[in-house]
Amino acid sequence: MKNEHKKSINYTLKVSARAQRMRLSVYHDGRCVVTVPQALPQGIIERFVREKSQWIRDKIEYFLSRAGGIPLPIPLRISRASKKKEYVKYKEQARALVEERIAHFNQCYNYSWNNISIKNQKTRWGSCSSKGNLNFNYKIALLPQHMADYIVVHELCHLGEFNHSQNFWNLVEKTIPEYRKIREELKKTGLRFH
């Protein structure tokens, strides 16, 4: 259902039996989706959107400015829902991307690892185990290159520093000088690192 209030915020309303509270997502292509529990009065929903209207405008402007005014096809806030079909579709693409970028960046670090796995994780972009296993979310294949590179370097550097100390961030900065900015972008996706 499409809605438009007097301040011209267009949004798609999704009513979900599983939703326990209202949730707002703004995507790279300028779409705004409001997910709400069943039987929530329309007045409450409209007030919620009004209160968030400046935030919505700021996010849309930010995404479009990064795309040179052209909406991007890939949403930044990627659904956390487990989508087996999507996982199967992108798993090998993600593996090829990860292996190529690890080989590229490891020319700087010269680390050794055990296994590389592509997983369908709901809450993580990647992780590195104490045994030297590198795990990546298949959704890395859906990200812009600079974000994917940051994720690869983040986990690669855990092979040298198994923590988030300043020494770790110094390692990341060697190949991703703008890591702080990219890290903030990735926080908006709702997924994290381990």
N, C-alpha and C. Protein backbone atom coordinates (compact mmCIF):
# COMPACT_ATOMS: atom_id res chain seq x y z
N MET A 1 0.85 -1.17 0.00
CA MET A 1 0.00 0.00 0.00
C MET A 1 0.89 1.23 0.00
N LYS A 2 0.64 2.19 -0.92
CA LYS A 2 1.43 3.41 -1.00
C LYS A 2 0.73 4.49 -0.20
N ASN A 3 1.51 5.28 0.50
CA ASN A 3 0.97 6.36 1.30
C ASN A 3 1.76 7.61 1.05
N GLU A 4 1.07 8.76 1.20
CA GLU A 4 1.75 10.04 1.05
C GLU A 4 1.11 11.02 2.00
N HIS A 5 1.93 11.61 2.92
CA HIS A 5 1.33 12.60 3.80
C HIS A 5 1.64 13.98 3.26
N LYS A 6 1.16 15.02 3.94
CA LYS A 6 1.20 16.37 3.38
C LYS A 6 2.62 16.88 3.14
N LYS A 7 3.64 16.31 3.76
CA LYS A 7 5.01 16.75 3.54
C LYS A 7 5.69 15.92 2.45
N SER A 8 4.91 15.18 1.69
CA SER A 8 5.39 14.44 0.51
C SER A 8 6.40 13.36 0.83
N ILE A 9 6.24 12.69 1.96
CA ILE A 9 7.05 11.51 2.24
C ILE A 9 6.29 10.30 1.71
N ASN A 10 6.80 9.71 0.66
CA ASN A 10 6.16 8.52 0.10
C ASN A 10 6.73 7.29 0.79
N TYR A 11 5.87 6.37 1.16
CA TYR A 11 6.34 5.15 1.80
C TYR A 11 5.42 3.98 1.48
N THR A 12 6.00 2.80 1.59
CA THR A 12 5.23 1.57 1.42
C THR A 12 4.96 1.00 2.80
N LEU A 13 3.73 0.68 3.06
CA LEU A 13 3.34 0.14 4.36
C LEU A 13 3.23 -1.38 4.28
N LYS A 14 3.95 -2.05 5.17
CA LYS A 14 3.88 -3.51 5.27
C LYS A 14 3.32 -3.88 6.63
N VAL A 15 2.20 -4.59 6.63
CA VAL A 15 1.59 -5.06 7.88
C VAL A 15 2.04 -6.49 8.11
N SER A 16 2.68 -6.72 9.26
CA SER A 16 3.26 -8.03 9.54
C SER A 16 2.72 -8.61 10.84
N ALA A 17 2.29 -9.85 10.78
CA ALA A 17 1.81 -10.54 11.98
C ALA A 17 2.96 -10.78 12.96
N ARG A 18 4.19 -10.81 12.44
CA ARG A 18 5.36 -11.09 13.29
C ARG A 18 5.95 -9.83 13.91
N ALA A 19 5.61 -8.67 13.36
CA ALA A 19 6.18 -7.42 13.87
C ALA A 19 5.64 -7.10 15.25
N GLN A 20 6.53 -6.72 16.16
CA GLN A 20 6.12 -6.35 17.50
C GLN A 20 6.15 -4.84 17.71
N ARG A 21 6.82 -4.15 16.78
CA ARG A 21 6.87 -2.69 16.85
C ARG A 21 7.02 -2.15 15.43
N MET A 22 6.87 -0.83 15.31
CA MET A 22 7.03 -0.20 13.99
C MET A 22 8.51 -0.15 13.64
N ARG A 23 8.81 -0.39 12.35
CA ARG A 23 10.20 -0.36 11.88
C ARG A 23 10.26 0.40 10.56
N LEU A 24 11.29 1.20 10.41
CA LEU A 24 11.44 2.03 9.22
C LEU A 24 12.73 1.68 8.51
N SER A 25 12.66 1.46 7.19
CA SER A 25 13.85 1.17 6.38
C SER A 25 13.86 2.08 5.16
N VAL A 26 15.02 2.70 4.92
CA VAL A 26 15.21 3.51 3.72
C VAL A 26 16.27 2.83 2.88
N TYR A 27 15.97 2.67 1.58
CA TYR A 27 16.85 1.91 0.69
C TYR A 27 17.62 2.83 -0.25
N HIS A 28 18.68 2.27 -0.83
CA HIS A 28 19.53 2.99 -1.78
C HIS A 28 18.75 3.62 -2.93
N ASP A 29 17.68 2.95 -3.36
CA ASP A 29 16.95 3.44 -4.53
C ASP A 29 15.87 4.46 -4.17
N GLY A 30 15.87 4.91 -2.90
CA GLY A 30 14.96 5.96 -2.47
C GLY A 30 13.66 5.46 -1.88
N ARG A 31 13.45 4.14 -1.88
CA ARG A 31 12.22 3.60 -1.30
C ARG A 31 12.26 3.69 0.22
N CYS A 32 11.09 3.97 0.78
CA CYS A 32 10.93 3.99 2.24
C CYS A 32 9.85 2.97 2.58
N VAL A 33 10.17 2.02 3.47
CA VAL A 33 9.23 0.97 3.86
C VAL A 33 8.99 1.03 5.36
N VAL A 34 7.73 1.11 5.74
CA VAL A 34 7.35 1.11 7.15
C VAL A 34 6.67 -0.22 7.45
N THR A 35 7.24 -0.99 8.35
CA THR A 35 6.67 -2.29 8.75
C THR A 35 6.01 -2.11 10.11
N VAL A 36 4.75 -2.54 10.22
CA VAL A 36 3.98 -2.32 11.45
C VAL A 36 3.27 -3.59 11.88
N PRO A 37 2.96 -3.69 13.19
CA PRO A 37 2.15 -4.84 13.65
C PRO A 37 0.73 -4.73 13.13
N GLN A 38 0.01 -5.84 13.18
CA GLN A 38 -1.38 -5.85 12.74
C GLN A 38 -2.23 -4.98 13.66
N ALA A 39 -3.31 -4.43 13.10
CA ALA A 39 -4.33 -3.68 13.83
C ALA A 39 -3.81 -2.39 14.45
N LEU A 40 -2.71 -1.84 13.92
CA LEU A 40 -2.20 -0.57 14.44
C LEU A 40 -2.95 0.56 13.75
N PRO A 41 -3.51 1.51 14.52
CA PRO A 41 -4.28 2.61 13.91
C PRO A 41 -3.45 3.42 12.91
N GLN A 42 -4.08 3.80 11.81
CA GLN A 42 -3.39 4.57 10.76
C GLN A 42 -2.83 5.88 11.30
N GLY A 43 -3.53 6.49 12.24
CA GLY A 43 -3.08 7.77 12.81
C GLY A 43 -1.72 7.65 13.49
N ILE A 44 -1.51 6.55 14.19
CA ILE A 44 -0.24 6.32 14.88
C ILE A 44 0.88 6.13 13.85
N ILE A 45 0.56 5.39 12.79
CA ILE A 45 1.55 5.16 11.74
C ILE A 45 1.96 6.47 11.08
N GLU A 46 0.96 7.31 10.75
CA GLU A 46 1.24 8.58 10.09
C GLU A 46 2.04 9.51 10.99
N ARG A 47 1.73 9.49 12.29
CA ARG A 47 2.50 10.33 13.22
C ARG A 47 3.95 9.85 13.30
N PHE A 48 4.13 8.55 13.30
CA PHE A 48 5.48 7.97 13.32
C PHE A 48 6.29 8.43 12.11
N VAL A 49 5.66 8.38 10.93
CA VAL A 49 6.35 8.80 9.70
C VAL A 49 6.64 10.29 9.74
N ARG A 50 5.69 11.09 10.23
CA ARG A 50 5.91 12.54 10.34
C ARG A 50 7.10 12.86 11.24
N GLU A 51 7.16 12.16 12.37
CA GLU A 51 8.25 12.40 13.32
C GLU A 51 9.60 12.04 12.73
N LYS A 52 9.61 11.05 11.83
CA LYS A 52 10.86 10.59 11.21
C LYS A 52 11.11 11.23 9.85
N SER A 53 10.26 12.18 9.44
CA SER A 53 10.32 12.70 8.07
C SER A 53 11.67 13.32 7.73
N GLN A 54 12.26 14.07 8.65
CA GLN A 54 13.56 14.68 8.35
C GLN A 54 14.64 13.63 8.20
N TRP A 55 14.59 12.61 9.06
CA TRP A 55 15.55 11.51 8.98
C TRP A 55 15.41 10.79 7.64
N ILE A 56 14.16 10.56 7.21
CA ILE A 56 13.91 9.89 5.93
C ILE A 56 14.48 10.72 4.79
N ARG A 57 14.19 12.03 4.78
CA ARG A 57 14.69 12.90 3.72
C ARG A 57 16.23 12.90 3.68
N ASP A 58 16.82 12.96 4.86
CA ASP A 58 18.29 12.98 4.94
C ASP A 58 18.89 11.71 4.35
N LYS A 59 18.29 10.56 4.66
CA LYS A 59 18.80 9.28 4.17
C LYS A 59 18.65 9.17 2.65
N ILE A 60 17.49 9.56 2.15
CA ILE A 60 17.27 9.50 0.70
C ILE A 60 18.25 10.42 -0.01
N GLU A 61 18.43 11.62 0.52
CA GLU A 61 19.36 12.58 -0.09
C GLU A 61 20.79 12.03 -0.06
N TYR A 62 21.15 11.39 1.05
CA TYR A 62 22.49 10.81 1.19
C TYR A 62 22.72 9.72 0.14
N PHE A 63 21.77 8.79 0.01
CA PHE A 63 21.93 7.69 -0.93
C PHE A 63 21.99 8.19 -2.37
N LEU A 64 21.10 9.14 -2.72
CA LEU A 64 21.08 9.64 -4.09
C LEU A 64 22.32 10.46 -4.41
N SER A 65 22.85 11.18 -3.42
CA SER A 65 24.06 11.97 -3.67
C SER A 65 25.25 11.06 -3.92
N ARG A 66 25.30 9.92 -3.23
CA ARG A 66 26.40 8.98 -3.43
C ARG A 66 26.30 8.30 -4.79
N ALA A 67 25.09 8.28 -5.33
CA ALA A 67 24.90 7.65 -6.64
C ALA A 67 24.88 8.69 -7.76
N GLY A 68 25.29 9.92 -7.43
CA GLY A 68 25.27 10.97 -8.44
C GLY A 68 23.86 11.32 -8.87
N GLY A 69 22.90 11.13 -7.94
CA GLY A 69 21.51 11.43 -8.24
C GLY A 69 20.77 10.29 -8.90
N ILE A 70 21.47 9.18 -9.16
CA ILE A 70 20.83 8.03 -9.80
C ILE A 70 20.57 6.95 -8.75
N PRO A 71 19.33 6.54 -8.54
CA PRO A 71 19.05 5.51 -7.54
C PRO A 71 19.83 4.23 -7.81
N LEU A 72 20.38 3.66 -6.76
CA LEU A 72 21.13 2.41 -6.89
C LEU A 72 20.18 1.22 -6.73
N PRO A 73 20.47 0.10 -7.39
CA PRO A 73 19.56 -1.04 -7.36
C PRO A 73 19.68 -1.89 -6.10
N ILE A 74 20.78 -1.74 -5.33
CA ILE A 74 21.01 -2.60 -4.17
C ILE A 74 20.66 -1.87 -2.89
N PRO A 75 19.76 -2.40 -2.07
CA PRO A 75 19.44 -1.73 -0.81
C PRO A 75 20.59 -1.83 0.17
N LEU A 76 20.84 -0.74 0.92
CA LEU A 76 21.88 -0.78 1.94
C LEU A 76 21.38 -1.58 3.15
N ARG A 77 20.14 -1.31 3.54
CA ARG A 77 19.58 -2.09 4.65
C ARG A 77 19.05 -3.39 4.08
N ILE A 78 19.89 -4.41 4.10
CA ILE A 78 19.54 -5.70 3.51
C ILE A 78 18.70 -6.50 4.50
N SER A 79 17.66 -7.12 4.02
CA SER A 79 16.77 -7.89 4.87
C SER A 79 17.53 -8.94 5.67
N ARG A 80 17.17 -9.08 6.94
CA ARG A 80 17.80 -10.09 7.79
C ARG A 80 17.15 -11.46 7.60
N ALA A 81 16.03 -11.46 6.90
CA ALA A 81 15.32 -12.73 6.73
C ALA A 81 16.22 -13.75 6.03
N SER A 82 16.14 -14.97 6.49
CA SER A 82 16.93 -16.04 5.87
C SER A 82 16.29 -16.43 4.55
N LYS A 83 16.99 -16.18 3.47
CA LYS A 83 16.44 -16.46 2.14
C LYS A 83 17.31 -17.52 1.46
N LYS A 84 16.88 -18.74 1.58
CA LYS A 84 17.69 -19.84 1.06
C LYS A 84 17.93 -19.71 -0.45
N LYS A 85 16.91 -19.31 -1.18
CA LYS A 85 17.04 -19.19 -2.63
C LYS A 85 18.10 -18.14 -2.99
N GLU A 86 18.05 -17.03 -2.31
CA GLU A 86 19.01 -15.96 -2.56
C GLU A 86 20.42 -16.41 -2.16
N TYR A 87 20.51 -17.14 -1.06
CA TYR A 87 21.81 -17.66 -0.60
C TYR A 87 22.44 -18.57 -1.65
N VAL A 88 21.64 -19.47 -2.19
CA VAL A 88 22.14 -20.40 -3.23
C VAL A 88 22.58 -19.61 -4.47
N LYS A 89 21.82 -18.58 -4.80
CA LYS A 89 22.10 -17.78 -6.00
C LYS A 89 23.43 -17.03 -5.88
N TYR A 90 23.72 -16.49 -4.69
CA TYR A 90 24.87 -15.61 -4.55
C TYR A 90 26.07 -16.23 -3.84
N LYS A 91 25.92 -17.44 -3.32
CA LYS A 91 26.99 -18.06 -2.51
C LYS A 91 28.31 -18.14 -3.28
N GLU A 92 28.29 -18.70 -4.47
CA GLU A 92 29.55 -18.87 -5.22
C GLU A 92 30.09 -17.55 -5.74
N GLN A 93 29.21 -16.64 -6.04
CA GLN A 93 29.64 -15.29 -6.45
C GLN A 93 30.37 -14.62 -5.29
N ALA A 94 29.82 -14.80 -4.08
CA ALA A 94 30.45 -14.24 -2.89
C ALA A 94 31.80 -14.89 -2.63
N ARG A 95 31.87 -16.21 -2.81
CA ARG A 95 33.13 -16.93 -2.58
C ARG A 95 34.22 -16.44 -3.54
N ALA A 96 33.86 -16.30 -4.80
CA ALA A 96 34.83 -15.83 -5.80
C ALA A 96 35.32 -14.43 -5.47
N LEU A 97 34.39 -13.58 -5.06
CA LEU A 97 34.74 -12.21 -4.68
C LEU A 97 35.70 -12.20 -3.49
N VAL A 98 35.32 -12.95 -2.45
CA VAL A 98 36.13 -12.99 -1.22
C VAL A 98 37.53 -13.54 -1.50
N GLU A 99 37.60 -14.63 -2.23
CA GLU A 99 38.92 -15.24 -2.49
C GLU A 99 39.81 -14.32 -3.32
N GLU A 100 39.21 -13.62 -4.28
CA GLU A 100 40.00 -12.71 -5.12
C GLU A 100 40.50 -11.52 -4.31
N ARG A 101 39.62 -10.97 -3.44
CA ARG A 101 40.01 -9.78 -2.67
C ARG A 101 40.99 -10.14 -1.54
N ILE A 102 40.85 -11.33 -0.97
CA ILE A 102 41.81 -11.77 0.04
C ILE A 102 43.19 -11.90 -0.60
N ALA A 103 43.25 -12.52 -1.77
CA ALA A 103 44.53 -12.67 -2.46
C ALA A 103 45.15 -11.31 -2.76
N HIS A 104 44.30 -10.36 -3.14
CA HIS A 104 44.78 -9.00 -3.45
C HIS A 104 45.35 -8.32 -2.21
N PHE A 105 44.56 -8.29 -1.12
CA PHE A 105 44.98 -7.55 0.08
C PHE A 105 46.07 -8.28 0.85
N ASN A 106 46.10 -9.60 0.75
CA ASN A 106 47.10 -10.35 1.51
C ASN A 106 48.51 -10.16 0.96
N GLN A 107 48.63 -9.53 -0.20
CA GLN A 107 49.96 -9.16 -0.69
C GLN A 107 50.62 -8.17 0.27
N CYS A 108 49.79 -7.42 0.99
CA CYS A 108 50.29 -6.47 1.99
C CYS A 108 50.56 -7.16 3.32
N TYR A 109 49.67 -8.09 3.73
CA TYR A 109 49.74 -8.66 5.07
C TYR A 109 50.53 -9.98 5.15
N ASN A 110 50.42 -10.79 4.11
CA ASN A 110 51.12 -12.09 4.09
C ASN A 110 50.71 -13.00 5.24
N TYR A 111 49.38 -13.12 5.47
CA TYR A 111 48.86 -13.99 6.52
C TYR A 111 48.52 -15.37 5.94
N SER A 112 48.38 -16.34 6.83
CA SER A 112 47.91 -17.68 6.46
C SER A 112 46.59 -17.94 7.15
N TRP A 113 45.70 -18.67 6.49
CA TRP A 113 44.41 -19.00 7.09
C TRP A 113 44.11 -20.47 6.84
N ASN A 114 43.06 -20.93 7.47
CA ASN A 114 42.68 -22.33 7.36
C ASN A 114 41.63 -22.50 6.25
N ASN A 115 40.38 -22.17 6.55
CA ASN A 115 39.29 -22.31 5.58
C ASN A 115 38.59 -20.98 5.37
N ILE A 116 37.98 -20.84 4.20
CA ILE A 116 37.10 -19.71 3.91
C ILE A 116 35.70 -20.26 3.68
N SER A 117 34.73 -19.75 4.44
CA SER A 117 33.34 -20.23 4.32
C SER A 117 32.42 -19.07 3.99
N ILE A 118 31.42 -19.35 3.15
CA ILE A 118 30.37 -18.38 2.83
C ILE A 118 29.10 -18.88 3.50
N LYS A 119 28.54 -18.06 4.37
CA LYS A 119 27.40 -18.50 5.17
C LYS A 119 26.18 -17.61 4.99
N ASN A 120 25.05 -18.12 5.42
CA ASN A 120 23.80 -17.37 5.41
C ASN A 120 23.54 -16.90 6.84
N GLN A 121 24.25 -15.86 7.23
CA GLN A 121 24.16 -15.37 8.61
C GLN A 121 23.14 -14.24 8.69
N LYS A 122 22.37 -14.23 9.75
CA LYS A 122 21.33 -13.22 9.90
C LYS A 122 21.86 -11.92 10.50
N THR A 123 22.93 -11.99 11.28
CA THR A 123 23.35 -10.81 12.02
C THR A 123 24.80 -10.41 11.81
N ARG A 124 25.58 -11.19 11.07
CA ARG A 124 27.00 -10.90 10.93
C ARG A 124 27.43 -10.75 9.47
N TRP A 125 28.36 -9.82 9.25
CA TRP A 125 28.99 -9.71 7.94
C TRP A 125 30.12 -10.72 7.81
N GLY A 126 30.80 -10.98 8.92
CA GLY A 126 31.91 -11.91 8.86
C GLY A 126 32.45 -12.22 10.24
N SER A 127 33.33 -13.21 10.29
CA SER A 127 33.97 -13.58 11.55
C SER A 127 35.27 -14.32 11.24
N CYS A 128 36.14 -14.34 12.24
CA CYS A 128 37.40 -15.06 12.14
C CYS A 128 37.53 -15.90 13.40
N SER A 129 37.74 -17.20 13.25
CA SER A 129 37.85 -18.07 14.42
C SER A 129 39.30 -18.15 14.89
N SER A 130 39.47 -18.63 16.10
CA SER A 130 40.82 -18.78 16.66
C SER A 130 41.63 -19.82 15.89
N LYS A 131 40.96 -20.65 15.11
CA LYS A 131 41.65 -21.66 14.29
C LYS A 131 42.05 -21.12 12.92
N GLY A 132 41.76 -19.84 12.68
CA GLY A 132 42.13 -19.25 11.41
C GLY A 132 41.13 -19.47 10.30
N ASN A 133 39.87 -19.76 10.67
CA ASN A 133 38.81 -19.91 9.68
C ASN A 133 38.14 -18.56 9.44
N LEU A 134 38.02 -18.17 8.19
CA LEU A 134 37.38 -16.91 7.83
C LEU A 134 35.98 -17.19 7.30
N ASN A 135 34.98 -16.54 7.90
CA ASN A 135 33.59 -16.73 7.51
C ASN A 135 33.01 -15.41 7.00
N PHE A 136 32.27 -15.48 5.91
CA PHE A 136 31.68 -14.28 5.33
C PHE A 136 30.22 -14.52 4.99
N ASN A 137 29.42 -13.48 5.15
CA ASN A 137 28.01 -13.51 4.78
C ASN A 137 27.91 -13.44 3.25
N TYR A 138 27.05 -14.26 2.66
CA TYR A 138 26.89 -14.24 1.21
C TYR A 138 26.46 -12.88 0.68
N LYS A 139 25.83 -12.06 1.54
CA LYS A 139 25.33 -10.76 1.11
C LYS A 139 26.46 -9.79 0.78
N ILE A 140 27.71 -10.20 1.06
CA ILE A 140 28.85 -9.38 0.67
C ILE A 140 28.86 -9.18 -0.85
N ALA A 141 28.30 -10.15 -1.58
CA ALA A 141 28.26 -10.05 -3.04
C ALA A 141 27.29 -8.98 -3.52
N LEU A 142 26.42 -8.49 -2.64
CA LEU A 142 25.42 -7.49 -3.01
C LEU A 142 25.87 -6.07 -2.68
N LEU A 143 27.02 -5.94 -2.04
CA LEU A 143 27.48 -4.64 -1.57
C LEU A 143 28.34 -3.92 -2.61
N PRO A 144 28.42 -2.59 -2.50
CA PRO A 144 29.39 -1.85 -3.31
C PRO A 144 30.81 -2.34 -2.99
N GLN A 145 31.73 -2.20 -3.93
CA GLN A 145 33.08 -2.74 -3.80
C GLN A 145 33.80 -2.26 -2.54
N HIS A 146 33.69 -0.97 -2.22
CA HIS A 146 34.45 -0.44 -1.08
C HIS A 146 33.99 -1.06 0.24
N MET A 147 32.71 -1.38 0.34
CA MET A 147 32.21 -2.02 1.55
C MET A 147 32.66 -3.48 1.62
N ALA A 148 32.58 -4.17 0.50
CA ALA A 148 33.02 -5.57 0.46
C ALA A 148 34.51 -5.66 0.80
N ASP A 149 35.29 -4.74 0.27
CA ASP A 149 36.73 -4.73 0.55
C ASP A 149 37.00 -4.53 2.04
N TYR A 150 36.24 -3.63 2.65
CA TYR A 150 36.42 -3.38 4.09
C TYR A 150 36.14 -4.66 4.89
N ILE A 151 35.07 -5.36 4.55
CA ILE A 151 34.72 -6.58 5.28
C ILE A 151 35.82 -7.62 5.14
N VAL A 152 36.33 -7.78 3.93
CA VAL A 152 37.40 -8.75 3.68
C VAL A 152 38.64 -8.39 4.50
N VAL A 153 39.04 -7.12 4.47
CA VAL A 153 40.24 -6.68 5.19
C VAL A 153 40.03 -6.79 6.70
N HIS A 154 38.83 -6.47 7.17
CA HIS A 154 38.52 -6.56 8.60
C HIS A 154 38.80 -7.98 9.11
N GLU A 155 38.25 -8.97 8.42
CA GLU A 155 38.44 -10.35 8.88
C GLU A 155 39.87 -10.83 8.64
N LEU A 156 40.48 -10.42 7.55
CA LEU A 156 41.87 -10.79 7.26
C LEU A 156 42.80 -10.28 8.37
N CYS A 157 42.57 -9.08 8.84
CA CYS A 157 43.44 -8.49 9.86
C CYS A 157 43.28 -9.17 11.23
N HIS A 158 42.17 -9.86 11.43
CA HIS A 158 42.02 -10.62 12.69
C HIS A 158 43.00 -11.79 12.75
N LEU A 159 43.55 -12.18 11.60
CA LEU A 159 44.57 -13.22 11.62
C LEU A 159 45.86 -12.70 12.26
N GLY A 160 46.03 -11.39 12.23
CA GLY A 160 47.21 -10.77 12.84
C GLY A 160 46.93 -10.26 14.24
N GLU A 161 45.72 -9.75 14.46
CA GLU A 161 45.31 -9.23 15.77
C GLU A 161 43.90 -9.75 16.04
N PHE A 162 43.79 -10.72 16.95
CA PHE A 162 42.49 -11.35 17.22
C PHE A 162 41.71 -10.53 18.26
N ASN A 163 41.51 -9.26 17.94
CA ASN A 163 40.83 -8.33 18.84
C ASN A 163 40.47 -7.08 18.04
N HIS A 164 39.96 -6.06 18.73
CA HIS A 164 39.69 -4.78 18.08
C HIS A 164 40.52 -3.68 18.75
N SER A 165 41.78 -3.99 19.04
CA SER A 165 42.69 -3.03 19.65
C SER A 165 43.13 -1.99 18.60
N GLN A 166 43.87 -0.98 19.06
CA GLN A 166 44.39 0.01 18.13
C GLN A 166 45.34 -0.62 17.13
N ASN A 167 46.07 -1.64 17.57
CA ASN A 167 46.96 -2.35 16.64
C ASN A 167 46.17 -2.97 15.50
N PHE A 168 44.99 -3.52 15.83
CA PHE A 168 44.12 -4.10 14.80
C PHE A 168 43.72 -3.04 13.78
N TRP A 169 43.22 -1.89 14.28
CA TRP A 169 42.75 -0.83 13.38
C TRP A 169 43.91 -0.25 12.57
N ASN A 170 45.11 -0.24 13.13
CA ASN A 170 46.27 0.21 12.36
C ASN A 170 46.53 -0.72 11.17
N LEU A 171 46.31 -2.02 11.39
CA LEU A 171 46.46 -2.99 10.30
C LEU A 171 45.42 -2.74 9.20
N VAL A 172 44.18 -2.53 9.62
CA VAL A 172 43.10 -2.27 8.66
C VAL A 172 43.41 -1.02 7.83
N GLU A 173 43.91 0.00 8.52
CA GLU A 173 44.17 1.30 7.88
C GLU A 173 45.25 1.22 6.79
N LYS A 174 46.10 0.22 6.88
CA LYS A 174 47.15 0.07 5.86
C LYS A 174 46.58 -0.05 4.45
N THR A 175 45.47 -0.74 4.32
CA THR A 175 44.89 -0.95 2.98
C THR A 175 43.52 -0.28 2.82
N ILE A 176 42.87 0.08 3.93
CA ILE A 176 41.57 0.75 3.87
C ILE A 176 41.67 2.05 4.69
N PRO A 177 42.31 3.09 4.16
CA PRO A 177 42.51 4.31 4.94
C PRO A 177 41.22 4.98 5.42
N GLU A 178 40.13 4.79 4.67
CA GLU A 178 38.85 5.41 5.06
C GLU A 178 37.95 4.42 5.80
N TYR A 179 38.55 3.52 6.57
CA TYR A 179 37.77 2.45 7.20
C TYR A 179 36.71 2.99 8.16
N ARG A 180 36.98 4.12 8.82
CA ARG A 180 36.00 4.65 9.78
C ARG A 180 34.71 5.04 9.09
N LYS A 181 34.84 5.71 7.97
CA LYS A 181 33.67 6.14 7.19
C LYS A 181 32.88 4.94 6.68
N ILE A 182 33.59 3.94 6.17
CA ILE A 182 32.92 2.74 5.64
C ILE A 182 32.25 1.96 6.77
N ARG A 183 32.91 1.91 7.92
CA ARG A 183 32.33 1.20 9.06
C ARG A 183 31.00 1.82 9.46
N GLU A 184 30.91 3.16 9.42
CA GLU A 184 29.65 3.83 9.75
C GLU A 184 28.57 3.50 8.72
N GLU A 185 28.94 3.43 7.45
CA GLU A 185 27.98 3.05 6.41
C GLU A 185 27.43 1.65 6.68
N LEU A 186 28.33 0.73 7.03
CA LEU A 186 27.91 -0.65 7.25
C LEU A 186 27.03 -0.81 8.48
N LYS A 187 27.20 0.07 9.46
CA LYS A 187 26.35 -0.01 10.66
C LYS A 187 24.89 0.16 10.31
N LYS A 188 24.62 0.91 9.25
CA LYS A 188 23.24 1.15 8.84
C LYS A 188 22.57 -0.10 8.27
N THR A 189 23.34 -1.10 7.94
CA THR A 189 22.75 -2.33 7.40
C THR A 189 22.14 -3.20 8.48
N GLY A 190 22.53 -2.96 9.73
CA GLY A 190 22.00 -3.75 10.83
C GLY A 190 22.79 -5.01 11.13
N LEU A 191 23.77 -5.34 10.29
CA LEU A 191 24.62 -6.50 10.55
C LEU A 191 25.90 -6.04 11.21
N ARG A 192 26.61 -6.97 11.86
CA ARG A 192 27.80 -6.60 12.60
C ARG A 192 28.94 -7.57 12.31
N PHE A 193 30.05 -7.33 13.02
CA PHE A 193 31.22 -8.19 12.87
C PHE A 193 31.43 -8.96 14.18
N HIS A 194 32.22 -10.02 14.08
CA HIS A 194 32.57 -10.78 15.27
C HIS A 194 34.02 -11.17 15.18
